[in-house]
Amino acid sequence: MQYLRSVLPHGTISVMTTHKQLALSIRSRMALRDMTQAGLADAIGMGRSALSARMGGSREFTFSELQAIAAALGVSLRDLLPATEEEQR
C-alpha cells in the first residue's frame, strides 16, 4: 500500500477506497430490500449497463444519481456514504 501511495497521485487511494465503500453500501442496502441491480436501475430510470459501470467503478456516480439511489432504497444520502475518519473513532 505504501508503494501505491508513492506512485499514484495524491488522493487516488482514498478516492478508490471511497468508491468501493459506496458501492458496497449500495449493495448491502439493495440486499436488505431484496432488490437486484436491474431492479435498482429500473427504479431510478438508469440503464442497467450504466448502473453496472458505476457499481463496478469504471464510471463515477453523480450527485443526482446518488440522491435517486438513496430515495429508491428508502434511505438518506448520508446513509449511503462511507463514514469519515472522525465517525469511525
PDB file of N, CA and C in Angstrom:
ATOM      1  N   MET A   1       0.827  -1.183   0.000  1.00  0.00           N
ATOM      2  CA  MET A   1       0.000   0.000   0.000  1.00  0.00           C
ATOM      3  C   MET A   1       0.874   1.250   0.000  1.00  0.00           C
ATOM      4  N   GLN A   2       1.948   1.228   0.784  1.00  0.00           N
ATOM      5  CA  GLN A   2       2.836   2.389   0.832  1.00  0.00           C
ATOM      6  C   GLN A   2       3.416   2.668  -0.547  1.00  0.00           C
ATOM      7  N   TYR A   3       3.785   1.610  -1.275  1.00  0.00           N
ATOM      8  CA  TYR A   3       4.311   1.793  -2.620  1.00  0.00           C
ATOM      9  C   TYR A   3       3.280   2.474  -3.507  1.00  0.00           C
ATOM     10  N   LEU A   4       2.025   2.018  -3.453  1.00  0.00           N
ATOM     11  CA  LEU A   4       0.981   2.635  -4.266  1.00  0.00           C
ATOM     12  C   LEU A   4       0.824   4.111  -3.938  1.00  0.00           C
ATOM     13  N   ARG A   5       0.868   4.441  -2.666  1.00  0.00           N
ATOM     14  CA  ARG A   5       0.750   5.849  -2.266  1.00  0.00           C
ATOM     15  C   ARG A   5       1.880   6.684  -2.858  1.00  0.00           C
ATOM     16  N   SER A   6       3.059   6.089  -3.006  1.00  0.00           N
ATOM     17  CA  SER A   6       4.198   6.851  -3.512  1.00  0.00           C
ATOM     18  C   SER A   6       4.150   7.055  -5.024  1.00  0.00           C
ATOM     19  N   VAL A   7       3.491   6.173  -5.761  1.00  0.00           N
ATOM     20  CA  VAL A   7       3.492   6.296  -7.219  1.00  0.00           C
ATOM     21  C   VAL A   7       2.194   6.854  -7.803  1.00  0.00           C
ATOM     22  N   LEU A   8       1.118   6.844  -7.039  1.00  0.00           N
ATOM     23  CA  LEU A   8      -0.147   7.369  -7.538  1.00  0.00           C
ATOM     24  C   LEU A   8      -0.338   8.810  -7.086  1.00  0.00           C
ATOM     25  N   PRO A   9      -1.090   9.596  -7.877  1.00  0.00           N
ATOM     26  CA  PRO A   9      -1.354  10.978  -7.472  1.00  0.00           C
ATOM     27  C   PRO A   9      -2.013  11.040  -6.104  1.00  0.00           C
ATOM     28  N   HIS A  10      -1.729  12.119  -5.375  1.00  0.00           N
ATOM     29  CA  HIS A  10      -2.278  12.316  -4.032  1.00  0.00           C
ATOM     30  C   HIS A  10      -3.793  12.181  -4.054  1.00  0.00           C
ATOM     31  N   GLY A  11      -4.343  11.416  -3.126  1.00  0.00           N
ATOM     32  CA  GLY A  11      -5.788  11.266  -3.007  1.00  0.00           C
ATOM     33  C   GLY A  11      -6.370  10.111  -3.800  1.00  0.00           C
ATOM     34  N   THR A  12      -5.602   9.497  -4.696  1.00  0.00           N
ATOM     35  CA  THR A  12      -6.137   8.426  -5.533  1.00  0.00           C
ATOM     36  C   THR A  12      -6.579   7.234  -4.703  1.00  0.00           C
ATOM     37  N   ILE A  13      -5.779   6.830  -3.743  1.00  0.00           N
ATOM     38  CA  ILE A  13      -6.117   5.670  -2.917  1.00  0.00           C
ATOM     39  C   ILE A  13      -7.420   5.904  -2.184  1.00  0.00           C
ATOM     40  N   SER A  14      -7.552   7.061  -1.554  1.00  0.00           N
ATOM     41  CA  SER A  14      -8.767   7.319  -0.783  1.00  0.00           C
ATOM     42  C   SER A  14      -9.981   7.417  -1.689  1.00  0.00           C
ATOM     43  N   VAL A  15      -9.827   7.956  -2.899  1.00  0.00           N
ATOM     44  CA  VAL A  15     -10.953   8.034  -3.828  1.00  0.00           C
ATOM     45  C   VAL A  15     -11.376   6.639  -4.249  1.00  0.00           C
ATOM     46  N   MET A  16     -10.416   5.773  -4.565  1.00  0.00           N
ATOM     47  CA  MET A  16     -10.758   4.409  -4.952  1.00  0.00           C
ATOM     48  C   MET A  16     -11.443   3.693  -3.800  1.00  0.00           C
ATOM     49  N   THR A  17     -10.917   3.852  -2.610  1.00  0.00           N
ATOM     50  CA  THR A  17     -11.498   3.204  -1.446  1.00  0.00           C
ATOM     51  C   THR A  17     -12.902   3.717  -1.189  1.00  0.00           C
ATOM     52  N   THR A  18     -13.106   5.012  -1.291  1.00  0.00           N
ATOM     53  CA  THR A  18     -14.425   5.596  -1.073  1.00  0.00           C
ATOM     54  C   THR A  18     -15.423   5.064  -2.079  1.00  0.00           C
ATOM     55  N   HIS A  19     -15.025   4.954  -3.345  1.00  0.00           N
ATOM     56  CA  HIS A  19     -15.944   4.440  -4.356  1.00  0.00           C
ATOM     57  C   HIS A  19     -16.328   2.995  -4.053  1.00  0.00           C
ATOM     58  N   LYS A  20     -15.363   2.189  -3.673  1.00  0.00           N
ATOM     59  CA  LYS A  20     -15.651   0.792  -3.331  1.00  0.00           C
ATOM     60  C   LYS A  20     -16.578   0.709  -2.125  1.00  0.00           C
ATOM     61  N   GLN A  21     -16.334   1.565  -1.138  1.00  0.00           N
ATOM     62  CA  GLN A  21     -17.186   1.578   0.049  1.00  0.00           C
ATOM     63  C   GLN A  21     -18.606   2.007  -0.305  1.00  0.00           C
ATOM     64  N   LEU A  22     -18.726   2.976  -1.191  1.00  0.00           N
ATOM     65  CA  LEU A  22     -20.036   3.452  -1.621  1.00  0.00           C
ATOM     66  C   LEU A  22     -20.792   2.341  -2.342  1.00  0.00           C
ATOM     67  N   ALA A  23     -20.132   1.664  -3.270  1.00  0.00           N
ATOM     68  CA  ALA A  23     -20.767   0.559  -3.991  1.00  0.00           C
ATOM     69  C   ALA A  23     -21.168  -0.557  -3.027  1.00  0.00           C
ATOM     70  N   LEU A  24     -20.319  -0.848  -2.060  1.00  0.00           N
ATOM     71  CA  LEU A  24     -20.635  -1.873  -1.065  1.00  0.00           C
ATOM     72  C   LEU A  24     -21.844  -1.465  -0.232  1.00  0.00           C
ATOM     73  N   SER A  25     -21.910  -0.210   0.143  1.00  0.00           N
ATOM     74  CA  SER A  25     -23.046   0.299   0.909  1.00  0.00           C
ATOM     75  C   SER A  25     -24.339   0.176   0.109  1.00  0.00           C
ATOM     76  N   ILE A  26     -24.277   0.529  -1.166  1.00  0.00           N
ATOM     77  CA  ILE A  26     -25.462   0.417  -2.025  1.00  0.00           C
ATOM     78  C   ILE A  26     -25.877  -1.045  -2.146  1.00  0.00           C
ATOM     79  N   ARG A  27     -24.907  -1.922  -2.373  1.00  0.00           N
ATOM     80  CA  ARG A  27     -25.223  -3.354  -2.495  1.00  0.00           C
ATOM     81  C   ARG A  27     -25.855  -3.908  -1.219  1.00  0.00           C
ATOM     82  N   SER A  28     -25.341  -3.491  -0.071  1.00  0.00           N
ATOM     83  CA  SER A  28     -25.903  -4.010   1.184  1.00  0.00           C
ATOM     84  C   SER A  28     -27.324  -3.503   1.390  1.00  0.00           C
ATOM     85  N   ARG A  29     -27.589  -2.259   1.022  1.00  0.00           N
ATOM     86  CA  ARG A  29     -28.959  -1.729   1.126  1.00  0.00           C
ATOM     87  C   ARG A  29     -29.883  -2.430   0.134  1.00  0.00           C
ATOM     88  N   MET A  30     -29.362  -2.752  -1.045  1.00  0.00           N
ATOM     89  CA  MET A  30     -30.150  -3.497  -2.031  1.00  0.00           C
ATOM     90  C   MET A  30     -30.509  -4.872  -1.475  1.00  0.00           C
ATOM     91  N   ALA A  31     -29.547  -5.525  -0.846  1.00  0.00           N
ATOM     92  CA  ALA A  31     -29.782  -6.862  -0.294  1.00  0.00           C
ATOM     93  C   ALA A  31     -30.852  -6.823   0.791  1.00  0.00           C
ATOM     94  N   LEU A  32     -30.819  -5.787   1.630  1.00  0.00           N
ATOM     95  CA  LEU A  32     -31.826  -5.659   2.683  1.00  0.00           C
ATOM     96  C   LEU A  32     -33.235  -5.528   2.111  1.00  0.00           C
ATOM     97  N   ARG A  33     -33.326  -4.955   0.921  1.00  0.00           N
ATOM     98  CA  ARG A  33     -34.624  -4.766   0.271  1.00  0.00           C
ATOM     99  C   ARG A  33     -34.902  -5.859  -0.768  1.00  0.00           C
ATOM    100  N   ASP A  34     -34.017  -6.847  -0.833  1.00  0.00           N
ATOM    101  CA  ASP A  34     -34.139  -7.922  -1.817  1.00  0.00           C
ATOM    102  C   ASP A  34     -34.290  -7.341  -3.224  1.00  0.00           C
ATOM    103  N   MET A  35     -33.454  -6.347  -3.522  1.00  0.00           N
ATOM    104  CA  MET A  35     -33.508  -5.651  -4.804  1.00  0.00           C
ATOM    105  C   MET A  35     -32.285  -6.028  -5.633  1.00  0.00           C
ATOM    106  N   THR A  36     -32.513  -6.335  -6.878  1.00  0.00           N
ATOM    107  CA  THR A  36     -31.413  -6.640  -7.783  1.00  0.00           C
ATOM    108  C   THR A  36     -30.859  -5.347  -8.367  1.00  0.00           C
ATOM    109  N   GLN A  37     -29.698  -5.444  -8.978  1.00  0.00           N
ATOM    110  CA  GLN A  37     -29.124  -4.281  -9.641  1.00  0.00           C
ATOM    111  C   GLN A  37     -30.028  -3.842 -10.786  1.00  0.00           C
ATOM    112  N   ALA A  38     -30.619  -4.795 -11.489  1.00  0.00           N
ATOM    113  CA  ALA A  38     -31.554  -4.458 -12.568  1.00  0.00           C
ATOM    114  C   ALA A  38     -32.778  -3.738 -12.004  1.00  0.00           C
ATOM    115  N   GLY A  39     -33.259  -4.192 -10.860  1.00  0.00           N
ATOM    116  CA  GLY A  39     -34.399  -3.546 -10.218  1.00  0.00           C
ATOM    117  C   GLY A  39     -34.083  -2.126  -9.793  1.00  0.00           C
ATOM    118  N   LEU A  40     -32.880  -1.911  -9.266  1.00  0.00           N
ATOM    119  CA  LEU A  40     -32.475  -0.565  -8.872  1.00  0.00           C
ATOM    120  C   LEU A  40     -32.348   0.329 -10.097  1.00  0.00           C
ATOM    121  N   ALA A  41     -31.739  -0.191 -11.150  1.00  0.00           N
ATOM    122  CA  ALA A  41     -31.602   0.596 -12.381  1.00  0.00           C
ATOM    123  C   ALA A  41     -32.972   1.027 -12.893  1.00  0.00           C
ATOM    124  N   ASP A  42     -33.909   0.106 -12.909  1.00  0.00           N
ATOM    125  CA  ASP A  42     -35.267   0.436 -13.358  1.00  0.00           C
ATOM    126  C   ASP A  42     -35.912   1.469 -12.444  1.00  0.00           C
ATOM    127  N   ALA A  43     -35.710   1.323 -11.139  1.00  0.00           N
ATOM    128  CA  ALA A  43     -36.330   2.226 -10.163  1.00  0.00           C
ATOM    129  C   ALA A  43     -35.831   3.661 -10.292  1.00  0.00           C
ATOM    130  N   ILE A  44     -34.582   3.825 -10.705  1.00  0.00           N
ATOM    131  CA  ILE A  44     -34.029   5.177 -10.808  1.00  0.00           C
ATOM    132  C   ILE A  44     -33.989   5.686 -12.247  1.00  0.00           C
ATOM    133  N   GLY A  45     -34.472   4.884 -13.176  1.00  0.00           N
ATOM    134  CA  GLY A  45     -34.512   5.317 -14.569  1.00  0.00           C
ATOM    135  C   GLY A  45     -33.153   5.368 -15.238  1.00  0.00           C
ATOM    136  N   MET A  46     -32.274   4.470 -14.845  1.00  0.00           N
ATOM    137  CA  MET A  46     -30.935   4.401 -15.423  1.00  0.00           C
ATOM    138  C   MET A  46     -30.795   3.087 -16.172  1.00  0.00           C
ATOM    139  N   GLY A  47     -30.057   3.095 -17.240  1.00  0.00           N
ATOM    140  CA  GLY A  47     -29.794   1.867 -17.966  1.00  0.00           C
ATOM    141  C   GLY A  47     -29.033   0.884 -17.090  1.00  0.00           C
ATOM    142  N   ARG A  48     -29.303  -0.372 -17.290  1.00  0.00           N
ATOM    143  CA  ARG A  48     -28.651  -1.399 -16.466  1.00  0.00           C
ATOM    144  C   ARG A  48     -27.140  -1.403 -16.649  1.00  0.00           C
ATOM    145  N   SER A  49     -26.684  -1.233 -17.880  1.00  0.00           N
ATOM    146  CA  SER A  49     -25.236  -1.226 -18.112  1.00  0.00           C
ATOM    147  C   SER A  49     -24.590   0.019 -17.507  1.00  0.00           C
ATOM    148  N   ALA A  50     -25.315   1.135 -17.498  1.00  0.00           N
ATOM    149  CA  ALA A  50     -24.783   2.363 -16.886  1.00  0.00           C
ATOM    150  C   ALA A  50     -24.623   2.179 -15.380  1.00  0.00           C
ATOM    151  N   LEU A  51     -25.618   1.577 -14.732  1.00  0.00           N
ATOM    152  CA  LEU A  51     -25.512   1.329 -13.294  1.00  0.00           C
ATOM    153  C   LEU A  51     -24.404   0.323 -13.014  1.00  0.00           C
ATOM    154  N   SER A  52     -24.293  -0.687 -13.839  1.00  0.00           N
ATOM    155  CA  SER A  52     -23.245  -1.688 -13.667  1.00  0.00           C
ATOM    156  C   SER A  52     -21.859  -1.045 -13.746  1.00  0.00           C
ATOM    157  N   ALA A  53     -21.684  -0.120 -14.682  1.00  0.00           N
ATOM    158  CA  ALA A  53     -20.397   0.574 -14.815  1.00  0.00           C
ATOM    159  C   ALA A  53     -20.080   1.384 -13.566  1.00  0.00           C
ATOM    160  N   ARG A  54     -21.091   1.991 -12.993  1.00  0.00           N
ATOM    161  CA  ARG A  54     -20.876   2.787 -11.782  1.00  0.00           C
ATOM    162  C   ARG A  54     -20.603   1.888 -10.576  1.00  0.00           C
ATOM    163  N   MET A  55     -21.340   0.805 -10.467  1.00  0.00           N
ATOM    164  CA  MET A  55     -21.140  -0.111  -9.340  1.00  0.00           C
ATOM    165  C   MET A  55     -19.778  -0.799  -9.433  1.00  0.00           C
ATOM    166  N   GLY A  56     -19.311  -1.028 -10.644  1.00  0.00           N
ATOM    167  CA  GLY A  56     -18.027  -1.682 -10.843  1.00  0.00           C
ATOM    168  C   GLY A  56     -16.832  -0.753 -10.753  1.00  0.00           C
ATOM    169  N   GLY A  57     -17.093   0.555 -10.738  1.00  0.00           N
ATOM    170  CA  GLY A  57     -16.010   1.508 -10.573  1.00  0.00           C
ATOM    171  C   GLY A  57     -15.433   2.090 -11.842  1.00  0.00           C
ATOM    172  N   SER A  58     -15.935   1.689 -13.009  1.00  0.00           N
ATOM    173  CA  SER A  58     -15.386   2.258 -14.237  1.00  0.00           C
ATOM    174  C   SER A  58     -15.980   3.629 -14.561  1.00  0.00           C
ATOM    175  N   ARG A  59     -17.064   3.982 -13.909  1.00  0.00           N
ATOM    176  CA  ARG A  59     -17.679   5.318 -14.025  1.00  0.00           C
ATOM    177  C   ARG A  59     -18.017   5.798 -12.623  1.00  0.00           C
ATOM    178  N   GLU A  60     -18.039   7.111 -12.436  1.00  0.00           N
ATOM    179  CA  GLU A  60     -18.380   7.667 -11.132  1.00  0.00           C
ATOM    180  C   GLU A  60     -19.857   8.019 -11.074  1.00  0.00           C
ATOM    181  N   PHE A  61     -20.431   7.933  -9.890  1.00  0.00           N
ATOM    182  CA  PHE A  61     -21.807   8.361  -9.671  1.00  0.00           C
ATOM    183  C   PHE A  61     -21.862   9.881  -9.658  1.00  0.00           C
ATOM    184  N   THR A  62     -22.959  10.442 -10.169  1.00  0.00           N
ATOM    185  CA  THR A  62     -23.198  11.870  -9.994  1.00  0.00           C
ATOM    186  C   THR A  62     -23.976  12.054  -8.698  1.00  0.00           C
ATOM    187  N   PHE A  63     -24.009  13.278  -8.224  1.00  0.00           N
ATOM    188  CA  PHE A  63     -24.744  13.577  -7.004  1.00  0.00           C
ATOM    189  C   PHE A  63     -26.220  13.245  -7.181  1.00  0.00           C
ATOM    190  N   SER A  64     -26.790  13.617  -8.321  1.00  0.00           N
ATOM    191  CA  SER A  64     -28.221  13.355  -8.543  1.00  0.00           C
ATOM    192  C   SER A  64     -28.505  11.861  -8.645  1.00  0.00           C
ATOM    193  N   GLU A  65     -27.571  11.089  -9.183  1.00  0.00           N
ATOM    194  CA  GLU A  65     -27.751   9.636  -9.230  1.00  0.00           C
ATOM    195  C   GLU A  65     -27.755   9.050  -7.826  1.00  0.00           C
ATOM    196  N   LEU A  66     -26.863   9.534  -6.979  1.00  0.00           N
ATOM    197  CA  LEU A  66     -26.823   9.047  -5.598  1.00  0.00           C
ATOM    198  C   LEU A  66     -28.089   9.426  -4.842  1.00  0.00           C
ATOM    199  N   GLN A  67     -28.616  10.612  -5.110  1.00  0.00           N
ATOM    200  CA  GLN A  67     -29.878  11.014  -4.486  1.00  0.00           C
ATOM    201  C   GLN A  67     -31.002  10.078  -4.918  1.00  0.00           C
ATOM    202  N   ALA A  68     -31.052   9.750  -6.208  1.00  0.00           N
ATOM    203  CA  ALA A  68     -32.091   8.854  -6.723  1.00  0.00           C
ATOM    204  C   ALA A  68     -31.945   7.456  -6.130  1.00  0.00           C
ATOM    205  N   ILE A  69     -30.724   6.982  -6.012  1.00  0.00           N
ATOM    206  CA  ILE A  69     -30.476   5.657  -5.435  1.00  0.00           C
ATOM    207  C   ILE A  69     -30.922   5.629  -3.976  1.00  0.00           C
ATOM    208  N   ALA A  70     -30.551   6.655  -3.226  1.00  0.00           N
ATOM    209  CA  ALA A  70     -30.955   6.723  -1.818  1.00  0.00           C
ATOM    210  C   ALA A  70     -32.473   6.703  -1.699  1.00  0.00           C
ATOM    211  N   ALA A  71     -33.155   7.476  -2.529  1.00  0.00           N
ATOM    212  CA  ALA A  71     -34.623   7.517  -2.485  1.00  0.00           C
ATOM    213  C   ALA A  71     -35.210   6.152  -2.823  1.00  0.00           C
ATOM    214  N   ALA A  72     -34.664   5.495  -3.842  1.00  0.00           N
ATOM    215  CA  ALA A  72     -35.175   4.180  -4.246  1.00  0.00           C
ATOM    216  C   ALA A  72     -34.961   3.134  -3.154  1.00  0.00           C
ATOM    217  N   LEU A  73     -33.904   3.309  -2.373  1.00  0.00           N
ATOM    218  CA  LEU A  73     -33.598   2.360  -1.301  1.00  0.00           C
ATOM    219  C   LEU A  73     -34.235   2.759   0.030  1.00  0.00           C
ATOM    220  N   GLY A  74     -34.888   3.907   0.048  1.00  0.00           N
ATOM    221  CA  GLY A  74     -35.574   4.352   1.259  1.00  0.00           C
ATOM    222  C   GLY A  74     -34.644   4.791   2.377  1.00  0.00           C
ATOM    223  N   VAL A  75     -33.490   5.333   2.001  1.00  0.00           N
ATOM    224  CA  VAL A  75     -32.524   5.816   2.986  1.00  0.00           C
ATOM    225  C   VAL A  75     -32.113   7.239   2.625  1.00  0.00           C
ATOM    226  N   SER A  76     -31.415   7.883   3.533  1.00  0.00           N
ATOM    227  CA  SER A  76     -30.888   9.210   3.218  1.00  0.00           C
ATOM    228  C   SER A  76     -29.587   9.046   2.438  1.00  0.00           C
ATOM    229  N   LEU A  77     -29.219  10.083   1.750  1.00  0.00           N
ATOM    230  CA  LEU A  77     -27.954  10.061   1.028  1.00  0.00           C
ATOM    231  C   LEU A  77     -26.803   9.836   2.007  1.00  0.00           C
ATOM    232  N   ARG A  78     -26.873  10.432   3.159  1.00  0.00           N
ATOM    233  CA  ARG A  78     -25.839  10.274   4.191  1.00  0.00           C
ATOM    234  C   ARG A  78     -25.673   8.809   4.597  1.00  0.00           C
ATOM    235  N   ASP A  79     -26.782   8.061   4.596  1.00  0.00           N
ATOM    236  CA  ASP A  79     -26.718   6.642   4.961  1.00  0.00           C
ATOM    237  C   ASP A  79     -25.878   5.832   3.977  1.00  0.00           C
ATOM    238  N   LEU A  80     -25.777   6.294   2.746  1.00  0.00           N
ATOM    239  CA  LEU A  80     -25.013   5.565   1.730  1.00  0.00           C
ATOM    240  C   LEU A  80     -23.527   5.884   1.768  1.00  0.00           C
ATOM    241  N   LEU A  81     -23.190   7.050   2.284  1.00  0.00           N
ATOM    242  CA  LEU A  81     -21.801   7.499   2.237  1.00  0.00           C
ATOM    243  C   LEU A  81     -20.950   6.809   3.290  1.00  0.00           C
ATOM    244  N   PRO A  82     -19.695   6.523   2.944  1.00  0.00           N
ATOM    245  CA  PRO A  82     -18.792   5.910   3.921  1.00  0.00           C
ATOM    246  C   PRO A  82     -18.585   6.839   5.113  1.00  0.00           C
ATOM    247  N   ALA A  83     -18.359   6.263   6.258  1.00  0.00           N
ATOM    248  CA  ALA A  83     -18.102   7.045   7.465  1.00  0.00           C
ATOM    249  C   ALA A  83     -16.781   7.793   7.327  1.00  0.00           C
ATOM    250  N   THR A  84     -16.744   8.988   7.869  1.00  0.00           N
ATOM    251  CA  THR A  84     -15.497   9.747   7.888  1.00  0.00           C
ATOM    252  C   THR A  84     -14.577   9.149   8.944  1.00  0.00           C
ATOM    253  N   GLU A  85     -13.317   9.567   8.920  1.00  0.00           N
ATOM    254  CA  GLU A  85     -12.367   9.067   9.921  1.00  0.00           C
ATOM    255  C   GLU A  85     -12.827   9.425  11.325  1.00  0.00           C
ATOM    256  N   GLU A  86     -13.382  10.615  11.492  1.00  0.00           N
ATOM    257  CA  GLU A  86     -13.869  11.029  12.812  1.00  0.00           C
ATOM    258  C   GLU A  86     -15.027  10.151  13.270  1.00  0.00           C
ATOM    259  N   GLU A  87     -15.933   9.809  12.351  1.00  0.00           N
ATOM    260  CA  GLU A  87     -17.082   8.975  12.699  1.00  0.00           C
ATOM    261  C   GLU A  87     -16.665   7.553  13.049  1.00  0.00           C
ATOM    262  N   GLN A  88     -15.554   7.099  12.497  1.00  0.00           N
ATOM    263  CA  GLN A  88     -15.083   5.743  12.760  1.00  0.00           C
ATOM    264  C   GLN A  88     -14.439   5.621  14.133  1.00  0.00           C
ATOM    265  N   ARG A  89     -14.047   6.740  14.732  1.00  0.00           N
ATOM    266  CA  ARG A  89     -13.376   6.720  16.046  1.00  0.00           C
ATOM    267  C   ARG A  89     -14.338   6.505  17.157  1.00  0.00           C
TER     268      ARG A  89
END
